[in-house]
Amino acid sequence: MIVVLGDIAVDIVSRLATPLVRGSDAAAEVRLMPGGSGANVAVWLARLGQRVVFIGRVGDDTFGRWLSDDLVAEGVEPALIVDRRRSTGVIQVLVEPDGERTMVPDRGANAIWAGEEAPEDLIAAADLLHVVGYVLLDRQGQPGALAAMALARAHGVPVSLDPSSHGPLRSVGAGAFWDLVGHVDVLLPNRREAQVLTGVAEPEVALAALREHAGTVAIKLDRDGCIAATGAKIERVPAPTIPIVNATGAGDAFNAAFLAGWSRGDDLGAACRAGVSLGTFAATLPTSR
């Protein structure tokens, strides 16, 4: 069983037909759909046949109930905390014509995590705890995420971490980030996050630096696939050349496939190939999953 702790939200996805023009209009196709980085990883894991429990926070509202029902329909076991004071998170996702996306989040209930909210018995029974960095990068969310990681370590449960977003990472600073999270078993940054965490742009150099902080590191390189290392082994897997429809959630799909392989003992190359394959597929979808 894999336990995922992270964000869950409603995505308002606007697929722009033309670039934005400040102060004017830009035609778009707008859809409302379930999302949130943590929930996306959990759903992809369930679709891959993995037993998965998702720990997250929603408001006591229509969106929260909709998201809970969606997790169940997807085969995910929800362990949701219902916040009576804050609304369910909502993310405005602007998808440019080339598939690149910019997100404007209202984290809502996702933003506040108390230290005791992650159930110890659930984490103790897991084969892996995956933490989405958005929770760690929000000061109000840190207590809950750090408490969950501490419980996992106390019970000998491996911890994987996706740093989530280079902007908030830069604000926190690499040194403070590592002081906060310590050593993890699996680290899954993208290219920009790896650069912020190491101060170097070359993926190979960043990979070497990140191995000081994690047993296994896989850097997502967007259209260039991924580069990963564990122990003395290094793998580089290219991505197929395809038209990208929407990059939203592609990294979450990569994470799910990589972690599913890693948790069942697949070799590094197989886990990378699975991650690149599913991440590439996700980028061809008009939705985040």
Protein backbone atom coordinates (compact mmCIF):
# COMPACT_ATOMS: atom_id res chain seq x y z
CA MET A 1 0.00 0.00 0.00
CA ILE A 2 1.23 3.47 -0.91
CA VAL A 3 0.03 6.42 1.15
CA VAL A 4 0.02 9.81 -0.59
CA LEU A 5 -0.16 13.03 1.41
CA GLY A 6 -0.75 16.22 -0.53
CA ASP A 7 -3.09 18.68 -2.17
CA ILE A 8 -6.52 18.00 -3.59
CA ALA A 9 -8.41 20.69 -5.47
CA VAL A 10 -10.82 21.59 -8.20
CA ASP A 11 -9.00 22.62 -11.38
CA ILE A 12 -10.49 25.32 -13.57
CA VAL A 13 -8.54 24.59 -16.73
CA SER A 14 -8.53 27.25 -19.45
CA ARG A 15 -6.97 26.01 -22.69
CA LEU A 16 -6.06 29.22 -24.47
CA ALA A 17 -6.54 29.43 -28.22
CA THR A 18 -4.19 32.44 -28.39
CA PRO A 19 -1.60 33.91 -26.00
CA LEU A 20 -2.86 36.14 -23.20
CA VAL A 21 -3.07 39.86 -23.93
CA ARG A 22 -2.98 41.84 -20.71
CA GLY A 23 -6.10 43.95 -20.24
CA SER A 24 -7.92 42.25 -23.12
CA ASP A 25 -9.58 38.93 -23.98
CA ALA A 26 -8.17 35.57 -25.01
CA ALA A 27 -10.50 32.86 -26.26
CA ALA A 28 -10.29 29.58 -24.34
CA GLU A 29 -11.94 26.24 -23.73
CA VAL A 30 -12.72 26.12 -20.01
CA ARG A 31 -13.33 22.92 -18.04
CA LEU A 32 -13.95 22.12 -14.40
CA MET A 33 -12.25 18.91 -13.21
CA PRO A 34 -10.82 17.15 -10.16
CA GLY A 35 -7.16 17.91 -9.53
CA GLY A 36 -4.46 18.70 -7.02
CA SER A 37 -0.98 17.25 -7.34
CA GLY A 38 -1.31 14.70 -4.55
CA ALA A 39 -4.73 13.51 -5.66
CA ASN A 40 -3.48 13.18 -9.24
CA VAL A 41 -0.61 10.91 -8.14
CA ALA A 42 -3.02 8.79 -6.09
CA VAL A 43 -5.45 8.39 -8.99
CA TRP A 44 -2.72 7.36 -11.43
CA LEU A 45 -1.40 4.85 -8.88
CA ALA A 46 -4.87 3.34 -8.54
CA ARG A 47 -5.22 3.15 -12.32
CA LEU A 48 -1.96 1.21 -12.39
CA GLY A 49 -3.48 -1.36 -10.02
CA GLN A 50 -1.70 -0.14 -6.89
CA ARG A 51 -3.54 -0.03 -3.58
CA VAL A 52 -3.34 3.61 -2.54
CA VAL A 53 -4.66 5.75 0.29
CA PHE A 54 -4.82 9.52 -0.13
CA ILE A 55 -4.57 11.83 2.89
CA GLY A 56 -5.78 15.34 2.12
CA ARG A 57 -7.93 18.22 3.30
CA VAL A 58 -11.18 19.54 1.82
CA GLY A 59 -13.83 22.01 2.85
CA ASP A 60 -17.30 21.11 4.06
CA ASP A 61 -18.79 22.03 0.70
CA THR A 62 -20.02 20.71 -2.64
CA PHE A 63 -16.54 20.69 -4.19
CA GLY A 64 -15.15 18.69 -1.28
CA ARG A 65 -17.86 16.05 -1.54
CA TRP A 66 -17.40 15.87 -5.32
CA LEU A 67 -13.66 15.32 -4.97
CA SER A 68 -14.16 12.63 -2.32
CA ASP A 69 -16.63 10.78 -4.56
CA ASP A 70 -14.21 11.06 -7.48
CA LEU A 71 -11.39 9.43 -5.49
CA VAL A 72 -13.64 6.51 -4.58
CA ALA A 73 -14.78 6.14 -8.20
CA GLU A 74 -11.12 6.01 -9.27
CA GLY A 75 -10.29 3.25 -6.78
CA VAL A 76 -8.43 5.45 -4.28
CA GLU A 77 -9.12 5.00 -0.57
CA PRO A 78 -9.72 8.55 0.74
CA ALA A 79 -8.59 9.60 4.21
CA LEU A 80 -9.83 13.18 4.00
CA ILE A 81 -9.91 15.73 6.79
CA VAL A 82 -12.95 18.00 6.43
CA ASP A 83 -12.21 21.62 7.37
CA ARG A 84 -15.35 23.35 8.66
CA ARG A 85 -13.84 26.83 8.31
CA ARG A 86 -12.02 26.77 4.98
CA SER A 87 -13.30 25.98 1.53
CA THR A 88 -11.97 23.27 -0.78
CA GLY A 89 -8.93 24.34 -2.80
CA VAL A 90 -9.40 25.71 -6.31
CA ILE A 91 -6.69 26.12 -8.95
CA GLN A 92 -6.97 28.27 -12.06
CA VAL A 93 -4.83 26.57 -14.73
CA LEU A 94 -3.95 28.57 -17.84
CA VAL A 95 -2.76 26.29 -20.64
CA GLU A 96 -0.98 28.10 -23.47
CA PRO A 97 -1.25 26.97 -27.11
CA ASP A 98 2.08 25.08 -26.87
CA GLY A 99 0.83 23.08 -23.86
CA GLU A 100 2.80 24.94 -21.17
CA ARG A 101 0.72 25.77 -18.13
CA THR A 102 0.64 28.43 -15.43
CA MET A 103 -1.29 27.84 -12.23
CA VAL A 104 -3.02 30.30 -9.91
CA PRO A 105 -3.92 28.38 -6.74
CA ASP A 106 -6.28 29.19 -3.92
CA ARG A 107 -5.11 26.42 -1.58
CA GLY A 108 -8.10 26.74 0.73
CA ALA A 109 -8.27 23.79 3.14
CA ASN A 110 -4.99 22.44 1.77
CA ALA A 111 -3.05 25.21 3.46
CA ILE A 112 -3.56 24.23 7.11
CA TRP A 113 -2.15 20.92 8.36
CA ALA A 114 -2.00 20.16 12.06
CA GLY A 115 0.67 17.77 13.29
CA GLU A 116 -1.77 15.10 14.43
CA GLU A 117 -3.94 14.88 11.32
CA ALA A 118 -2.05 12.10 9.52
CA PRO A 119 -3.16 8.79 11.13
CA GLU A 120 -0.20 6.91 12.60
CA ASP A 121 -1.75 3.46 12.07
CA LEU A 122 -2.28 4.20 8.39
CA ILE A 123 1.29 5.38 7.82
CA ALA A 124 2.75 2.53 9.87
CA ALA A 125 0.98 0.01 7.60
CA ALA A 126 2.25 1.61 4.36
CA ASP A 127 4.96 0.31 2.05
CA LEU A 128 5.75 3.90 1.03
CA LEU A 129 4.75 7.41 2.07
CA HIS A 130 4.75 9.91 -0.80
CA VAL A 131 4.67 13.58 0.22
CA VAL A 132 3.86 16.38 -2.20
CA GLY A 133 6.05 19.40 -1.54
CA TYR A 134 3.27 21.98 -1.78
CA VAL A 135 2.33 21.01 1.78
CA LEU A 136 5.92 21.40 3.01
CA LEU A 137 6.45 24.71 1.24
CA ASP A 138 3.49 26.33 3.00
CA ARG A 139 4.42 27.26 6.56
CA GLN A 140 0.90 26.50 7.73
CA GLY A 141 1.09 23.06 6.16
CA GLN A 142 4.54 22.05 7.37
CA PRO A 143 3.59 20.65 10.80
CA GLY A 144 1.31 17.99 9.33
CA ALA A 145 3.69 16.98 6.55
CA LEU A 146 6.72 16.80 8.84
CA ALA A 147 4.77 14.82 11.43
CA ALA A 148 3.73 12.30 8.76
CA MET A 149 7.34 11.94 7.59
CA ALA A 150 8.52 11.47 11.17
CA LEU A 151 5.92 8.74 11.71
CA ALA A 152 7.02 6.98 8.53
CA ARG A 153 10.66 7.03 9.60
CA ALA A 154 9.78 5.82 13.09
CA HIS A 155 8.00 2.81 11.58
CA GLY A 156 10.64 2.09 8.93
CA VAL A 157 8.43 3.22 6.05
CA PRO A 158 10.32 4.71 3.05
CA VAL A 159 9.55 8.35 2.20
CA SER A 160 9.38 9.81 -1.29
CA LEU A 161 9.12 13.52 -2.01
CA ASP A 162 8.18 15.69 -4.96
CA PRO A 163 9.46 19.25 -4.34
CA SER A 164 6.49 20.48 -6.43
CA SER A 165 7.27 24.02 -7.61
CA HIS A 166 10.45 26.00 -8.26
CA GLY A 167 8.96 29.39 -7.32
CA PRO A 168 8.09 28.56 -3.70
CA LEU A 169 11.31 26.51 -3.44
CA ARG A 170 13.36 29.55 -4.39
CA SER A 171 11.57 31.60 -1.72
CA VAL A 172 12.33 29.01 0.95
CA GLY A 173 15.94 28.46 -0.19
CA ALA A 174 17.74 25.18 -0.78
CA GLY A 175 19.55 25.10 2.55
CA ALA A 176 16.40 25.74 4.57
CA PHE A 177 14.53 23.14 2.51
CA TRP A 178 17.06 20.40 3.27
CA ASP A 179 17.22 21.40 6.93
CA LEU A 180 13.44 20.97 6.96
CA VAL A 181 13.03 17.63 5.18
CA GLY A 182 16.29 15.80 5.90
CA HIS A 183 17.23 12.72 3.88
CA VAL A 184 14.52 10.97 1.85
CA ASP A 185 14.43 7.61 0.10
CA VAL A 186 13.15 8.90 -3.25
CA LEU A 187 13.33 12.45 -4.63
CA LEU A 188 11.37 13.41 -7.76
CA PRO A 189 12.11 17.01 -8.84
CA ASN A 190 11.69 18.46 -12.29
CA ARG A 191 14.49 20.28 -14.09
CA ARG A 192 13.78 23.71 -12.59
CA GLU A 193 13.33 22.37 -9.08
CA ALA A 194 16.60 20.46 -9.33
CA GLN A 195 18.32 23.67 -10.40
CA VAL A 196 16.92 25.62 -7.46
CA LEU A 197 17.90 22.87 -5.02
CA THR A 198 21.48 22.62 -6.31
CA GLY A 199 22.29 25.95 -7.95
CA VAL A 200 23.35 24.25 -11.21
CA ALA A 201 21.52 24.01 -14.53
CA GLU A 202 23.12 20.85 -15.95
CA PRO A 203 20.92 17.86 -15.03
CA GLU A 204 23.88 15.50 -14.68
CA VAL A 205 25.62 17.80 -12.19
CA ALA A 206 22.38 18.47 -10.33
CA LEU A 207 21.74 14.73 -10.11
CA ALA A 208 25.10 14.14 -8.44
CA ALA A 209 24.42 16.89 -5.91
CA LEU A 210 20.92 15.67 -5.11
CA ARG A 211 22.16 12.15 -4.40
CA GLU A 212 23.55 13.51 -1.13
CA HIS A 213 19.95 14.05 0.00
CA ALA A 214 18.15 10.95 -1.32
CA GLY A 215 18.78 7.27 -1.94
CA THR A 216 17.12 7.43 -5.35
CA VAL A 217 16.76 10.58 -7.47
CA ALA A 218 14.82 10.95 -10.71
CA ILE A 219 14.83 14.35 -12.43
CA LYS A 220 11.95 14.95 -14.83
CA LEU A 221 13.23 16.69 -17.96
CA ASP A 222 9.95 17.43 -19.74
CA ARG A 223 10.39 16.76 -23.46
CA ASP A 224 13.83 15.26 -22.77
CA GLY A 225 12.56 12.41 -20.60
CA CYS A 226 14.37 11.85 -17.30
CA ILE A 227 17.73 11.16 -15.71
CA ALA A 228 17.90 9.10 -12.53
CA ALA A 229 20.35 7.50 -10.15
CA THR A 230 20.40 5.03 -7.31
CA GLY A 231 23.59 3.73 -5.73
CA ALA A 232 26.20 3.59 -8.48
CA LYS A 233 23.64 3.21 -11.25
CA ILE A 234 22.60 6.09 -13.54
CA GLU A 235 19.86 5.90 -16.17
CA ARG A 236 18.79 8.38 -18.81
CA VAL A 237 15.52 7.71 -20.65
CA PRO A 238 14.42 9.91 -23.57
CA ALA A 239 10.83 10.90 -24.18
CA PRO A 240 9.11 10.28 -27.50
CA THR A 241 8.50 13.32 -29.68
CA ILE A 242 4.78 14.04 -29.55
CA PRO A 243 2.54 17.13 -29.67
CA ILE A 244 1.87 18.25 -26.11
CA VAL A 245 -1.78 19.11 -25.49
CA ASN A 246 -1.59 19.98 -21.79
CA ALA A 247 1.44 19.54 -19.51
CA THR A 248 -0.72 19.84 -16.36
CA GLY A 249 -0.41 16.65 -14.34
CA ALA A 250 2.25 15.03 -16.54
CA GLY A 251 4.76 15.13 -13.69
CA ASP A 252 2.19 13.57 -11.35
CA ALA A 253 1.67 10.71 -13.81
CA PHE A 254 5.45 10.22 -14.04
CA ASN A 255 5.68 10.10 -10.24
CA ALA A 256 2.94 7.49 -9.98
CA ALA A 257 4.44 5.13 -12.55
CA PHE A 258 7.98 5.56 -11.20
CA LEU A 259 6.90 4.95 -7.60
CA ALA A 260 4.77 1.95 -8.53
CA GLY A 261 7.84 0.38 -10.14
CA TRP A 262 10.22 1.41 -7.36
CA SER A 263 7.94 0.07 -4.61
CA ARG A 264 7.67 -3.36 -6.22
CA GLY A 265 11.43 -3.60 -6.74
CA ASP A 266 11.73 -2.88 -10.47
CA ASP A 267 15.19 -1.82 -11.59
CA LEU A 268 15.89 1.88 -12.08
CA GLY A 269 15.69 1.75 -15.88
CA ALA A 270 12.28 0.07 -15.84
CA ALA A 271 10.92 2.58 -13.32
CA CYS A 272 12.22 5.48 -15.45
CA ARG A 273 10.74 4.06 -18.64
CA ALA A 274 7.38 3.55 -16.95
CA GLY A 275 7.44 7.11 -15.61
CA VAL A 276 8.37 8.67 -18.94
CA SER A 277 5.77 6.60 -20.78
CA LEU A 278 2.89 7.53 -18.49
CA GLY A 279 4.00 11.15 -18.15
CA THR A 280 4.15 11.46 -21.93
CA PHE A 281 0.71 9.93 -22.27
CA ALA A 282 -0.70 12.34 -19.68
CA ALA A 283 0.67 15.31 -21.67
CA THR A 284 -1.49 14.26 -24.63
CA LEU A 285 -4.70 14.57 -22.60
CA PRO A 286 -6.78 17.76 -22.51
CA THR A 287 -7.32 17.18 -18.74
CA SER A 288 -4.84 16.92 -15.86
CA ARG A 289 -5.54 13.16 -15.66
